[in-house]
Amino acid sequence: MCPPYTAMTEYQHAVLSPDKRILVFETVQQAHDVPFGSYFEIHCRWKLETNDENSSAIDIKVGAHFKKWCVMQGKIKAGAVDEYKKEVGLMLEAAHERIKSHTSSETDNPVSSPSVTQDIS
């Protein structure tokens, strides 16, 4: 139903807490070349929080915001969230590999795998 690639407009906003322990990164994406593309936006929120010197947590939320009602809302939302889950999985895997290669050259302590939950909604 949709092309594999499409033109997108993305707005980004980032906020760093005064103590520099929490970073919140938000995006709003608008698809241009898809059916009903003007009816919805994809909103994403990444919250990165430092727990201690060697530990941090990432909370990622995504959802579809509809500006107009359409009969395809359920399918569009499910497809958008599914696609974002795949992309986030790839990004977290790449980040984990980067962290593992960076820290293994500095110390002999093994790096634990990231704890990823299916809390993308």
PDB file of N, CA and C in Angstrom:
ATOM      1  N   MET A   1       0.815  -1.192   0.000  1.00  0.00           N
ATOM      2  CA  MET A   1       0.000   0.000   0.000  1.00  0.00           C
ATOM      3  C   MET A   1       0.863   1.263   0.000  1.00  0.00           C
ATOM      4  N   CYS A   2       1.972   1.236   0.713  1.00  0.00           N
ATOM      5  CA  CYS A   2       2.848   2.416   0.799  1.00  0.00           C
ATOM      6  C   CYS A   2       4.168   2.132   0.100  1.00  0.00           C
ATOM      7  N   PRO A   3       4.798   3.156  -0.426  1.00  0.00           N
ATOM      8  CA  PRO A   3       6.112   2.965  -1.033  1.00  0.00           C
ATOM      9  C   PRO A   3       7.146   2.619   0.040  1.00  0.00           C
ATOM     10  N   PRO A   4       8.211   1.870  -0.337  1.00  0.00           N
ATOM     11  CA  PRO A   4       9.218   1.500   0.662  1.00  0.00           C
ATOM     12  C   PRO A   4      10.004   2.705   1.192  1.00  0.00           C
ATOM     13  N   TYR A   5      10.099   3.759   0.401  1.00  0.00           N
ATOM     14  CA  TYR A   5      10.780   4.983   0.822  1.00  0.00           C
ATOM     15  C   TYR A   5       9.880   6.159   0.485  1.00  0.00           C
ATOM     16  N   THR A   6       9.921   7.183   1.316  1.00  0.00           N
ATOM     17  CA  THR A   6       9.073   8.344   1.072  1.00  0.00           C
ATOM     18  C   THR A   6       9.736   9.608   1.607  1.00  0.00           C
ATOM     19  N   ALA A   7       9.317  10.733   1.082  1.00  0.00           N
ATOM     20  CA  ALA A   7       9.804  12.020   1.586  1.00  0.00           C
ATOM     21  C   ALA A   7       9.172  12.282   2.947  1.00  0.00           C
ATOM     22  N   MET A   8       9.975  12.771   3.878  1.00  0.00           N
ATOM     23  CA  MET A   8       9.503  13.038   5.237  1.00  0.00           C
ATOM     24  C   MET A   8       9.948  14.430   5.662  1.00  0.00           C
ATOM     25  N   THR A   9       9.147  15.040   6.498  1.00  0.00           N
ATOM     26  CA  THR A   9       9.551  16.244   7.213  1.00  0.00           C
ATOM     27  C   THR A   9       9.628  15.853   8.675  1.00  0.00           C
ATOM     28  N   GLU A  10      10.731  16.202   9.326  1.00  0.00           N
ATOM     29  CA  GLU A  10      10.901  15.846  10.733  1.00  0.00           C
ATOM     30  C   GLU A  10      11.286  17.086  11.532  1.00  0.00           C
ATOM     31  N   TYR A  11      10.552  17.320  12.596  1.00  0.00           N
ATOM     32  CA  TYR A  11      10.873  18.386  13.536  1.00  0.00           C
ATOM     33  C   TYR A  11      11.494  17.735  14.761  1.00  0.00           C
ATOM     34  N   GLN A  12      12.569  18.339  15.284  1.00  0.00           N
ATOM     35  CA  GLN A  12      13.279  17.775  16.429  1.00  0.00           C
ATOM     36  C   GLN A  12      13.392  18.800  17.543  1.00  0.00           C
ATOM     37  N   HIS A  13      13.373  18.290  18.761  1.00  0.00           N
ATOM     38  CA  HIS A  13      13.503  19.146  19.938  1.00  0.00           C
ATOM     39  C   HIS A  13      14.262  18.353  20.992  1.00  0.00           C
ATOM     40  N   ALA A  14      15.260  18.958  21.609  1.00  0.00           N
ATOM     41  CA  ALA A  14      16.039  18.281  22.645  1.00  0.00           C
ATOM     42  C   ALA A  14      16.165  19.182  23.864  1.00  0.00           C
ATOM     43  N   VAL A  15      16.128  18.563  25.044  1.00  0.00           N
ATOM     44  CA  VAL A  15      16.275  19.288  26.307  1.00  0.00           C
ATOM     45  C   VAL A  15      17.228  18.495  27.192  1.00  0.00           C
ATOM     46  N   LEU A  16      18.204  19.176  27.758  1.00  0.00           N
ATOM     47  CA  LEU A  16      19.144  18.579  28.697  1.00  0.00           C
ATOM     48  C   LEU A  16      18.867  19.162  30.071  1.00  0.00           C
ATOM     49  N   SER A  17      18.748  18.283  31.068  1.00  0.00           N
ATOM     50  CA  SER A  17      18.458  18.760  32.425  1.00  0.00           C
ATOM     51  C   SER A  17      19.632  19.580  32.955  1.00  0.00           C
ATOM     52  N   PRO A  18      19.383  20.475  33.911  1.00  0.00           N
ATOM     53  CA  PRO A  18      20.455  21.317  34.452  1.00  0.00           C
ATOM     54  C   PRO A  18      21.622  20.514  35.037  1.00  0.00           C
ATOM     55  N   ASP A  19      21.334  19.348  35.613  1.00  0.00           N
ATOM     56  CA  ASP A  19      22.418  18.529  36.175  1.00  0.00           C
ATOM     57  C   ASP A  19      23.068  17.621  35.125  1.00  0.00           C
ATOM     58  N   LYS A  20      22.614  17.699  33.870  1.00  0.00           N
ATOM     59  CA  LYS A  20      23.164  16.956  32.731  1.00  0.00           C
ATOM     60  C   LYS A  20      23.054  15.445  32.895  1.00  0.00           C
ATOM     61  N   ARG A  21      22.049  14.986  33.619  1.00  0.00           N
ATOM     62  CA  ARG A  21      21.837  13.551  33.809  1.00  0.00           C
ATOM     63  C   ARG A  21      20.703  13.016  32.940  1.00  0.00           C
ATOM     64  N   ILE A  22      19.844  13.906  32.459  1.00  0.00           N
ATOM     65  CA  ILE A  22      18.693  13.481  31.657  1.00  0.00           C
ATOM     66  C   ILE A  22      18.659  14.271  30.351  1.00  0.00           C
ATOM     67  N   LEU A  23      18.560  13.547  29.245  1.00  0.00           N
ATOM     68  CA  LEU A  23      18.399  14.147  27.926  1.00  0.00           C
ATOM     69  C   LEU A  23      17.078  13.644  27.350  1.00  0.00           C
ATOM     70  N   VAL A  24      16.229  14.561  26.934  1.00  0.00           N
ATOM     71  CA  VAL A  24      14.966  14.205  26.285  1.00  0.00           C
ATOM     72  C   VAL A  24      15.031  14.709  24.849  1.00  0.00           C
ATOM     73  N   PHE A  25      14.813  13.789  23.915  1.00  0.00           N
ATOM     74  CA  PHE A  25      14.863  14.101  22.486  1.00  0.00           C
ATOM     75  C   PHE A  25      13.509  13.719  21.887  1.00  0.00           C
ATOM     76  N   GLU A  26      12.832  14.686  21.285  1.00  0.00           N
ATOM     77  CA  GLU A  26      11.507  14.443  20.721  1.00  0.00           C
ATOM     78  C   GLU A  26      11.500  14.758  19.230  1.00  0.00           C
ATOM     79  N   THR A  27      10.772  13.948  18.466  1.00  0.00           N
ATOM     80  CA  THR A  27      10.619  14.199  17.036  1.00  0.00           C
ATOM     81  C   THR A  27       9.148  14.099  16.650  1.00  0.00           C
ATOM     82  N   VAL A  28       8.794  14.839  15.618  1.00  0.00           N
ATOM     83  CA  VAL A  28       7.477  14.734  14.987  1.00  0.00           C
ATOM     84  C   VAL A  28       7.748  14.565  13.498  1.00  0.00           C
ATOM     85  N   GLN A  29       7.245  13.468  12.925  1.00  0.00           N
ATOM     86  CA  GLN A  29       7.490  13.163  11.522  1.00  0.00           C
ATOM     87  C   GLN A  29       6.190  13.225  10.731  1.00  0.00           C
ATOM     88  N   GLN A  30       6.284  13.790   9.533  1.00  0.00           N
ATOM     89  CA  GLN A  30       5.140  13.882   8.615  1.00  0.00           C
ATOM     90  C   GLN A  30       5.559  13.231   7.303  1.00  0.00           C
ATOM     91  N   ALA A  31       4.827  12.211   6.867  1.00  0.00           N
ATOM     92  CA  ALA A  31       5.100  11.538   5.591  1.00  0.00           C
ATOM     93  C   ALA A  31       4.363  12.280   4.477  1.00  0.00           C
ATOM     94  N   HIS A  32       5.013  12.399   3.315  1.00  0.00           N
ATOM     95  CA  HIS A  32       4.416  13.181   2.235  1.00  0.00           C
ATOM     96  C   HIS A  32       3.830  12.349   1.099  1.00  0.00           C
ATOM     97  N   ASP A  33       4.450  11.234   0.751  1.00  0.00           N
ATOM     98  CA  ASP A  33       4.043  10.485  -0.444  1.00  0.00           C
ATOM     99  C   ASP A  33       3.280   9.207  -0.124  1.00  0.00           C
ATOM    100  N   VAL A  34       2.571   9.172   0.980  1.00  0.00           N
ATOM    101  CA  VAL A  34       1.824   7.969   1.353  1.00  0.00           C
ATOM    102  C   VAL A  34       0.329   8.294   1.423  1.00  0.00           C
ATOM    103  N   PRO A  35      -0.511   7.293   1.193  1.00  0.00           N
ATOM    104  CA  PRO A  35      -1.949   7.550   1.327  1.00  0.00           C
ATOM    105  C   PRO A  35      -2.296   8.038   2.735  1.00  0.00           C
ATOM    106  N   PHE A  36      -3.123   9.015   2.844  1.00  0.00           N
ATOM    107  CA  PHE A  36      -3.552   9.624   4.106  1.00  0.00           C
ATOM    108  C   PHE A  36      -2.389  10.271   4.868  1.00  0.00           C
ATOM    109  N   GLY A  37      -1.279  10.553   4.189  1.00  0.00           N
ATOM    110  CA  GLY A  37      -0.097  11.115   4.842  1.00  0.00           C
ATOM    111  C   GLY A  37      -0.348  12.443   5.535  1.00  0.00           C
ATOM    112  N   SER A  38      -1.278  13.224   5.027  1.00  0.00           N
ATOM    113  CA  SER A  38      -1.571  14.515   5.660  1.00  0.00           C
ATOM    114  C   SER A  38      -2.507  14.363   6.855  1.00  0.00           C
ATOM    115  N   TYR A  39      -3.004  13.154   7.096  1.00  0.00           N
ATOM    116  CA  TYR A  39      -3.948  12.919   8.185  1.00  0.00           C
ATOM    117  C   TYR A  39      -3.267  12.650   9.527  1.00  0.00           C
ATOM    118  N   PHE A  40      -1.981  12.290   9.515  1.00  0.00           N
ATOM    119  CA  PHE A  40      -1.339  11.856  10.758  1.00  0.00           C
ATOM    120  C   PHE A  40       0.116  12.304  10.850  1.00  0.00           C
ATOM    121  N   GLU A  41       0.634  12.261  12.069  1.00  0.00           N
ATOM    122  CA  GLU A  41       2.051  12.513  12.364  1.00  0.00           C
ATOM    123  C   GLU A  41       2.530  11.398  13.289  1.00  0.00           C
ATOM    124  N   ILE A  42       3.813  11.092  13.193  1.00  0.00           N
ATOM    125  CA  ILE A  42       4.418  10.110  14.091  1.00  0.00           C
ATOM    126  C   ILE A  42       5.215  10.888  15.135  1.00  0.00           C
ATOM    127  N   HIS A  43       4.869  10.708  16.396  1.00  0.00           N
ATOM    128  CA  HIS A  43       5.544  11.388  17.503  1.00  0.00           C
ATOM    129  C   HIS A  43       6.437  10.380  18.228  1.00  0.00           C
ATOM    130  N   CYS A  44       7.699  10.764  18.451  1.00  0.00           N
ATOM    131  CA  CYS A  44       8.652   9.896  19.146  1.00  0.00           C
ATOM    132  C   CYS A  44       9.300  10.673  20.281  1.00  0.00           C
ATOM    133  N   ARG A  45       9.575   9.964  21.370  1.00  0.00           N
ATOM    134  CA  ARG A  45      10.215  10.591  22.536  1.00  0.00           C
ATOM    135  C   ARG A  45      11.251   9.630  23.093  1.00  0.00           C
ATOM    136  N   TRP A  46      12.493  10.082  23.107  1.00  0.00           N
ATOM    137  CA  TRP A  46      13.592   9.319  23.689  1.00  0.00           C
ATOM    138  C   TRP A  46      14.001  10.023  24.979  1.00  0.00           C
ATOM    139  N   LYS A  47      14.065   9.281  26.069  1.00  0.00           N
ATOM    140  CA  LYS A  47      14.535   9.839  27.338  1.00  0.00           C
ATOM    141  C   LYS A  47      15.745   9.010  27.769  1.00  0.00           C
ATOM    142  N   LEU A  48      16.894   9.660  27.826  1.00  0.00           N
ATOM    143  CA  LEU A  48      18.131   9.009  28.235  1.00  0.00           C
ATOM    144  C   LEU A  48      18.512   9.542  29.597  1.00  0.00           C
ATOM    145  N   GLU A  49      18.743   8.638  30.540  1.00  0.00           N
ATOM    146  CA  GLU A  49      19.029   9.043  31.912  1.00  0.00           C
ATOM    147  C   GLU A  49      20.245   8.292  32.439  1.00  0.00           C
ATOM    148  N   THR A  50      21.197   9.039  32.989  1.00  0.00           N
ATOM    149  CA  THR A  50      22.371   8.442  33.602  1.00  0.00           C
ATOM    150  C   THR A  50      22.011   8.000  35.012  1.00  0.00           C
ATOM    151  N   ASN A  51      22.207   6.699  35.291  1.00  0.00           N
ATOM    152  CA  ASN A  51      21.917   6.174  36.630  1.00  0.00           C
ATOM    153  C   ASN A  51      23.118   6.320  37.552  1.00  0.00           C
ATOM    154  N   ASP A  52      24.282   5.968  37.057  1.00  0.00           N
ATOM    155  CA  ASP A  52      25.541   6.181  37.765  1.00  0.00           C
ATOM    156  C   ASP A  52      26.634   6.293  36.707  1.00  0.00           C
ATOM    157  N   GLU A  53      27.874   6.246  37.121  1.00  0.00           N
ATOM    158  CA  GLU A  53      28.966   6.492  36.174  1.00  0.00           C
ATOM    159  C   GLU A  53      29.003   5.500  35.010  1.00  0.00           C
ATOM    160  N   ASN A  54      28.619   4.246  35.251  1.00  0.00           N
ATOM    161  CA  ASN A  54      28.698   3.225  34.208  1.00  0.00           C
ATOM    162  C   ASN A  54      27.340   2.647  33.822  1.00  0.00           C
ATOM    163  N   SER A  55      26.272   3.356  34.104  1.00  0.00           N
ATOM    164  CA  SER A  55      24.948   2.816  33.825  1.00  0.00           C
ATOM    165  C   SER A  55      23.998   3.925  33.380  1.00  0.00           C
ATOM    166  N   SER A  56      23.150   3.568  32.428  1.00  0.00           N
ATOM    167  CA  SER A  56      22.142   4.527  31.972  1.00  0.00           C
ATOM    168  C   SER A  56      20.894   3.772  31.534  1.00  0.00           C
ATOM    169  N   ALA A  57      19.818   4.507  31.379  1.00  0.00           N
ATOM    170  CA  ALA A  57      18.550   3.921  30.949  1.00  0.00           C
ATOM    171  C   ALA A  57      18.002   4.729  29.783  1.00  0.00           C
ATOM    172  N   ILE A  58      17.364   4.030  28.867  1.00  0.00           N
ATOM    173  CA  ILE A  58      16.727   4.675  27.726  1.00  0.00           C
ATOM    174  C   ILE A  58      15.254   4.282  27.730  1.00  0.00           C
ATOM    175  N   ASP A  59      14.384   5.276  27.650  1.00  0.00           N
ATOM    176  CA  ASP A  59      12.946   5.052  27.554  1.00  0.00           C
ATOM    177  C   ASP A  59      12.499   5.634  26.218  1.00  0.00           C
ATOM    178  N   ILE A  60      11.924   4.796  25.355  1.00  0.00           N
ATOM    179  CA  ILE A  60      11.530   5.227  24.018  1.00  0.00           C
ATOM    180  C   ILE A  60      10.029   5.016  23.856  1.00  0.00           C
ATOM    181  N   LYS A  61       9.359   6.057  23.420  1.00  0.00           N
ATOM    182  CA  LYS A  61       7.917   5.967  23.172  1.00  0.00           C
ATOM    183  C   LYS A  61       7.633   6.496  21.768  1.00  0.00           C
ATOM    184  N   VAL A  62       6.693   5.863  21.099  1.00  0.00           N
ATOM    185  CA  VAL A  62       6.306   6.283  19.749  1.00  0.00           C
ATOM    186  C   VAL A  62       4.804   6.079  19.589  1.00  0.00           C
ATOM    187  N   GLY A  63       4.199   6.952  18.830  1.00  0.00           N
ATOM    188  CA  GLY A  63       2.771   6.822  18.569  1.00  0.00           C
ATOM    189  C   GLY A  63       2.369   7.641  17.361  1.00  0.00           C
ATOM    190  N   ALA A  64       1.196   7.338  16.848  1.00  0.00           N
ATOM    191  CA  ALA A  64       0.653   8.074  15.710  1.00  0.00           C
ATOM    192  C   ALA A  64      -0.431   9.018  16.211  1.00  0.00           C
ATOM    193  N   HIS A  65      -0.298  10.288  15.861  1.00  0.00           N
ATOM    194  CA  HIS A  65      -1.292  11.302  16.224  1.00  0.00           C
ATOM    195  C   HIS A  65      -2.080  11.643  14.961  1.00  0.00           C
ATOM    196  N   PHE A  66      -3.380  11.440  15.014  1.00  0.00           N
ATOM    197  CA  PHE A  66      -4.218  11.696  13.843  1.00  0.00           C
ATOM    198  C   PHE A  66      -4.853  13.076  13.923  1.00  0.00           C
ATOM    199  N   LYS A  67      -4.639  13.857  12.863  1.00  0.00           N
ATOM    200  CA  LYS A  67      -5.218  15.194  12.762  1.00  0.00           C
ATOM    201  C   LYS A  67      -6.629  15.134  12.195  1.00  0.00           C
ATOM    202  N   LYS A  68      -6.907  14.095  11.414  1.00  0.00           N
ATOM    203  CA  LYS A  68      -8.232  13.863  10.838  1.00  0.00           C
ATOM    204  C   LYS A  68      -8.541  12.378  10.989  1.00  0.00           C
ATOM    205  N   TRP A  69      -9.817  12.066  11.121  1.00  0.00           N
ATOM    206  CA  TRP A  69     -10.214  10.670  11.202  1.00  0.00           C
ATOM    207  C   TRP A  69     -10.094  10.038   9.826  1.00  0.00           C
ATOM    208  N   CYS A  70      -9.658   8.778   9.794  1.00  0.00           N
ATOM    209  CA  CYS A  70      -9.686   8.018   8.545  1.00  0.00           C
ATOM    210  C   CYS A  70      -9.924   6.549   8.877  1.00  0.00           C
ATOM    211  N   VAL A  71     -10.427   5.831   7.921  1.00  0.00           N
ATOM    212  CA  VAL A  71     -10.800   4.439   8.130  1.00  0.00           C
ATOM    213  C   VAL A  71      -9.572   3.548   8.375  1.00  0.00           C
ATOM    214  N   MET A  72      -8.401   3.984   7.984  1.00  0.00           N
ATOM    215  CA  MET A  72      -7.175   3.190   8.088  1.00  0.00           C
ATOM    216  C   MET A  72      -6.369   3.471   9.361  1.00  0.00           C
ATOM    217  N   GLN A  73      -6.930   4.149  10.337  1.00  0.00           N
ATOM    218  CA  GLN A  73      -6.171   4.552  11.524  1.00  0.00           C
ATOM    219  C   GLN A  73      -5.469   3.381  12.210  1.00  0.00           C
ATOM    220  N   GLY A  74      -6.174   2.307  12.451  1.00  0.00           N
ATOM    221  CA  GLY A  74      -5.583   1.159  13.141  1.00  0.00           C
ATOM    222  C   GLY A  74      -4.409   0.576  12.380  1.00  0.00           C
ATOM    223  N   LYS A  75      -4.576   0.405  11.084  1.00  0.00           N
ATOM    224  CA  LYS A  75      -3.518  -0.163  10.251  1.00  0.00           C
ATOM    225  C   LYS A  75      -2.310   0.780  10.166  1.00  0.00           C
ATOM    226  N   ILE A  76      -2.569   2.066  10.026  1.00  0.00           N
ATOM    227  CA  ILE A  76      -1.481   3.050   9.952  1.00  0.00           C
ATOM    228  C   ILE A  76      -0.696   3.072  11.259  1.00  0.00           C
ATOM    229  N   LYS A  77      -1.392   3.120  12.387  1.00  0.00           N
ATOM    230  CA  LYS A  77      -0.720   3.163  13.686  1.00  0.00           C
ATOM    231  C   LYS A  77       0.107   1.905  13.913  1.00  0.00           C
ATOM    232  N   ALA A  78      -0.475   0.735  13.645  1.00  0.00           N
ATOM    233  CA  ALA A  78       0.250  -0.524  13.836  1.00  0.00           C
ATOM    234  C   ALA A  78       1.483  -0.585  12.940  1.00  0.00           C
ATOM    235  N   GLY A  79       1.339  -0.166  11.680  1.00  0.00           N
ATOM    236  CA  GLY A  79       2.467  -0.188  10.755  1.00  0.00           C
ATOM    237  C   GLY A  79       3.570   0.771  11.163  1.00  0.00           C
ATOM    238  N   ALA A  80       3.195   1.957  11.609  1.00  0.00           N
ATOM    239  CA  ALA A  80       4.187   2.958  12.019  1.00  0.00           C
ATOM    240  C   ALA A  80       4.954   2.496  13.254  1.00  0.00           C
ATOM    241  N   VAL A  81       4.243   1.969  14.237  1.00  0.00           N
ATOM    242  CA  VAL A  81       4.891   1.511  15.470  1.00  0.00           C
ATOM    243  C   VAL A  81       5.782   0.306  15.177  1.00  0.00           C
ATOM    244  N   ASP A  82       5.308  -0.621  14.344  1.00  0.00           N
ATOM    245  CA  ASP A  82       6.107  -1.789  13.967  1.00  0.00           C
ATOM    246  C   ASP A  82       7.402  -1.375  13.279  1.00  0.00           C
ATOM    247  N   GLU A  83       7.294  -0.462  12.328  1.00  0.00           N
ATOM    248  CA  GLU A  83       8.470   0.010  11.595  1.00  0.00           C
ATOM    249  C   GLU A  83       9.452   0.702  12.536  1.00  0.00           C
ATOM    250  N   TYR A  84       8.942   1.491  13.459  1.00  0.00           N
ATOM    251  CA  TYR A  84       9.815   2.195  14.392  1.00  0.00           C
ATOM    252  C   TYR A  84      10.521   1.215  15.325  1.00  0.00           C
ATOM    253  N   LYS A  85       9.830   0.155  15.753  1.00  0.00           N
ATOM    254  CA  LYS A  85      10.452  -0.862  16.605  1.00  0.00           C
ATOM    255  C   LYS A  85      11.654  -1.485  15.901  1.00  0.00           C
ATOM    256  N   LYS A  86      11.506  -1.778  14.606  1.00  0.00           N
ATOM    257  CA  LYS A  86      12.612  -2.360  13.840  1.00  0.00           C
ATOM    258  C   LYS A  86      13.795  -1.397  13.787  1.00  0.00           C
ATOM    259  N   GLU A  87      13.510  -0.133  13.496  1.00  0.00           N
ATOM    260  CA  GLU A  87      14.574   0.868  13.403  1.00  0.00           C
ATOM    261  C   GLU A  87      15.282   1.055  14.742  1.00  0.00           C
ATOM    262  N   VAL A  88      14.518   1.131  15.823  1.00  0.00           N
ATOM    263  CA  VAL A  88      15.102   1.303  17.155  1.00  0.00           C
ATOM    264  C   VAL A  88      15.960   0.096  17.511  1.00  0.00           C
ATOM    265  N   GLY A  89      15.499  -1.091  17.172  1.00  0.00           N
ATOM    266  CA  GLY A  89      16.285  -2.298  17.429  1.00  0.00           C
ATOM    267  C   GLY A  89      17.643  -2.242  16.755  1.00  0.00           C
ATOM    268  N   LEU A  90      17.668  -1.804  15.496  1.00  0.00           N
ATOM    269  CA  LEU A  90      18.938  -1.677  14.771  1.00  0.00           C
ATOM    270  C   LEU A  90      19.840  -0.615  15.398  1.00  0.00           C
ATOM    271  N   MET A  91      19.249   0.520  15.776  1.00  0.00           N
ATOM    272  CA  MET A  91      20.041   1.597  16.384  1.00  0.00           C
ATOM    273  C   MET A  91      20.629   1.164  17.729  1.00  0.00           C
ATOM    274  N   LEU A  92      19.832   0.481  18.549  1.00  0.00           N
ATOM    275  CA  LEU A  92      20.324   0.038  19.857  1.00  0.00           C
ATOM    276  C   LEU A  92      21.396  -1.034  19.713  1.00  0.00           C
ATOM    277  N   GLU A  93      21.231  -1.909  18.726  1.00  0.00           N
ATOM    278  CA  GLU A  93      22.242  -2.936  18.473  1.00  0.00           C
ATOM    279  C   GLU A  93      23.568  -2.293  18.056  1.00  0.00           C
ATOM    280  N   ALA A  94      23.508  -1.310  17.162  1.00  0.00           N
ATOM    281  CA  ALA A  94      24.718  -0.606  16.724  1.00  0.00           C
ATOM    282  C   ALA A  94      25.360   0.151  17.886  1.00  0.00           C
ATOM    283  N   ALA A  95      24.539   0.795  18.711  1.00  0.00           N
ATOM    284  CA  ALA A  95      25.069   1.525  19.870  1.00  0.00           C
ATOM    285  C   ALA A  95      25.727   0.566  20.854  1.00  0.00           C
ATOM    286  N   HIS A  96      25.107  -0.584  21.074  1.00  0.00           N
ATOM    287  CA  HIS A  96      25.675  -1.568  22.000  1.00  0.00           C
ATOM    288  C   HIS A  96      27.025  -2.060  21.497  1.00  0.00           C
ATOM    289  N   GLU A  97      27.125  -2.352  20.201  1.00  0.00           N
ATOM    290  CA  GLU A  97      28.399  -2.794  19.627  1.00  0.00           C
ATOM    291  C   GLU A  97      29.471  -1.714  19.766  1.00  0.00           C
ATOM    292  N   ARG A  98      29.099  -0.478  19.553  1.00  0.00           N
ATOM    293  CA  ARG A  98      30.044   0.641  19.680  1.00  0.00           C
ATOM    294  C   ARG A  98      30.534   0.775  21.117  1.00  0.00           C
ATOM    295  N   ILE A  99      29.605   0.708  22.060  1.00  0.00           N
ATOM    296  CA  ILE A  99      29.974   0.812  23.480  1.00  0.00           C
ATOM    297  C   ILE A  99      30.863  -0.357  23.874  1.00  0.00           C
ATOM    298  N   LYS A 100      30.499  -1.553  23.421  1.00  0.00           N
ATOM    299  CA  LYS A 100      31.268  -2.747  23.770  1.00  0.00           C
ATOM    300  C   LYS A 100      32.692  -2.653  23.227  1.00  0.00           C
ATOM    301  N   SER A 101      32.858  -2.197  21.986  1.00  0.00           N
ATOM    302  CA  SER A 101      34.198  -2.094  21.410  1.00  0.00           C
ATOM    303  C   SER A 101      35.006  -0.985  22.083  1.00  0.00           C
ATOM    304  N   HIS A 102      34.337   0.093  22.474  1.00  0.00           N
ATOM    305  CA  HIS A 102      35.023   1.211  23.122  1.00  0.00           C
ATOM    306  C   HIS A 102      35.460   0.850  24.540  1.00  0.00           C
ATOM    307  N   THR A 103      34.600   0.200  25.295  1.00  0.00           N
ATOM    308  CA  THR A 103      34.924  -0.106  26.688  1.00  0.00           C
ATOM    309  C   THR A 103      35.831  -1.316  26.822  1.00  0.00           C
ATOM    310  N   SER A 104      35.773  -2.267  25.894  1.00  0.00           N
ATOM    311  CA  SER A 104      36.624  -3.451  26.011  1.00  0.00           C
ATOM    312  C   SER A 104      38.093  -3.101  25.791  1.00  0.00           C
ATOM    313  N   SER A 105      38.372  -2.036  25.047  1.00  0.00           N
ATOM    314  CA  SER A 105      39.755  -1.621  24.848  1.00  0.00           C
ATOM    315  C   SER A 105      40.297  -0.858  26.057  1.00  0.00           C
ATOM    316  N   GLU A 106      39.410  -0.347  26.912  1.00  0.00           N
ATOM    317  CA  GLU A 106      39.842   0.412  28.083  1.00  0.00           C
ATOM    318  C   GLU A 106      39.944  -0.436  29.342  1.00  0.00           C
ATOM    319  N   THR A 107      39.050  -1.409  29.491  1.00  0.00           N
ATOM    320  CA  THR A 107      39.027  -2.228  30.700  1.00  0.00           C
ATOM    321  C   THR A 107      38.862  -3.686  30.335  1.00  0.00           C
ATOM    322  N   ASP A 108      39.046  -4.532  31.324  1.00  0.00           N
ATOM    323  CA  ASP A 108      38.833  -5.957  31.129  1.00  0.00           C
ATOM    324  C   ASP A 108      37.445  -6.384  31.577  1.00  0.00           C
ATOM    325  N   ASN A 109      36.621  -5.440  32.060  1.00  0.00           N
ATOM    326  CA  ASN A 109      35.272  -5.769  32.505  1.00  0.00           C
ATOM    327  C   ASN A 109      34.358  -5.936  31.299  1.00  0.00           C
ATOM    328  N   PRO A 110      33.596  -7.039  31.244  1.00  0.00           N
ATOM    329  CA  PRO A 110      32.675  -7.208  30.123  1.00  0.00           C
ATOM    330  C   PRO A 110      31.507  -6.230  30.213  1.00  0.00           C
ATOM    331  N   VAL A 111      31.001  -5.836  29.066  1.00  0.00           N
ATOM    332  CA  VAL A 111      29.863  -4.924  29.000  1.00  0.00           C
ATOM    333  C   VAL A 111      28.599  -5.763  28.920  1.00  0.00           C
ATOM    334  N   SER A 112      27.635  -5.456  29.766  1.00  0.00           N
ATOM    335  CA  SER A 112      26.386  -6.210  29.726  1.00  0.00           C
ATOM    336  C   SER A 112      25.529  -5.739  28.563  1.00  0.00           C
ATOM    337  N   SER A 113      24.697  -6.631  28.073  1.00  0.00           N
ATOM    338  CA  SER A 113      23.787  -6.295  26.977  1.00  0.00           C
ATOM    339  C   SER A 113      22.759  -5.285  27.447  1.00  0.00           C
ATOM    340  N   PRO A 114      22.281  -4.442  26.544  1.00  0.00           N
ATOM    341  CA  PRO A 114      21.261  -3.478  26.959  1.00  0.00           C
ATOM    342  C   PRO A 114      19.969  -4.200  27.304  1.00  0.00           C
ATOM    343  N   SER A 115      19.284  -3.679  28.277  1.00  0.00           N
ATOM    344  CA  SER A 115      17.992  -4.227  28.661  1.00  0.00           C
ATOM    345  C   SER A 115      16.920  -3.481  27.883  1.00  0.00           C
ATOM    346  N   VAL A 116      16.318  -4.153  26.920  1.00  0.00           N
ATOM    347  CA  VAL A 116      15.331  -3.522  26.058  1.00  0.00           C
ATOM    348  C   VAL A 116      13.974  -4.158  26.324  1.00  0.00           C
ATOM    349  N   THR A 117      12.995  -3.337  26.639  1.00  0.00           N
ATOM    350  CA  THR A 117      11.642  -3.838  26.850  1.00  0.00           C
ATOM    351  C   THR A 117      10.759  -3.420  25.689  1.00  0.00           C
ATOM    352  N   GLN A 118       9.667  -4.093  25.514  1.00  0.00           N
ATOM    353  CA  GLN A 118       8.729  -3.789  24.438  1.00  0.00           C
ATOM    354  C   GLN A 118       7.751  -2.713  24.881  1.00  0.00           C
ATOM    355  N   ASP A 119       8.264  -1.594  25.391  1.00  0.00           N
ATOM    356  CA  ASP A 119       7.418  -0.520  25.908  1.00  0.00           C
ATOM    357  C   ASP A 119       7.222   0.589  24.885  1.00  0.00           C
ATOM    358  N   ILE A 120       7.440   0.277  23.615  1.00  0.00           N
ATOM    359  CA  ILE A 120       7.215   1.274  22.571  1.00  0.00           C
ATOM    360  C   ILE A 120       5.728   1.238  22.255  1.00  0.00           C
ATOM    361  N   SER A 121       5.060   2.335  22.554  1.00  0.00           N
ATOM    362  CA  SER A 121       3.609   2.350  22.331  1.00  0.00           C
ATOM    363  C   SER A 121       3.160   3.639  21.701  1.00  0.00           C
TER     364      SER A 121
END
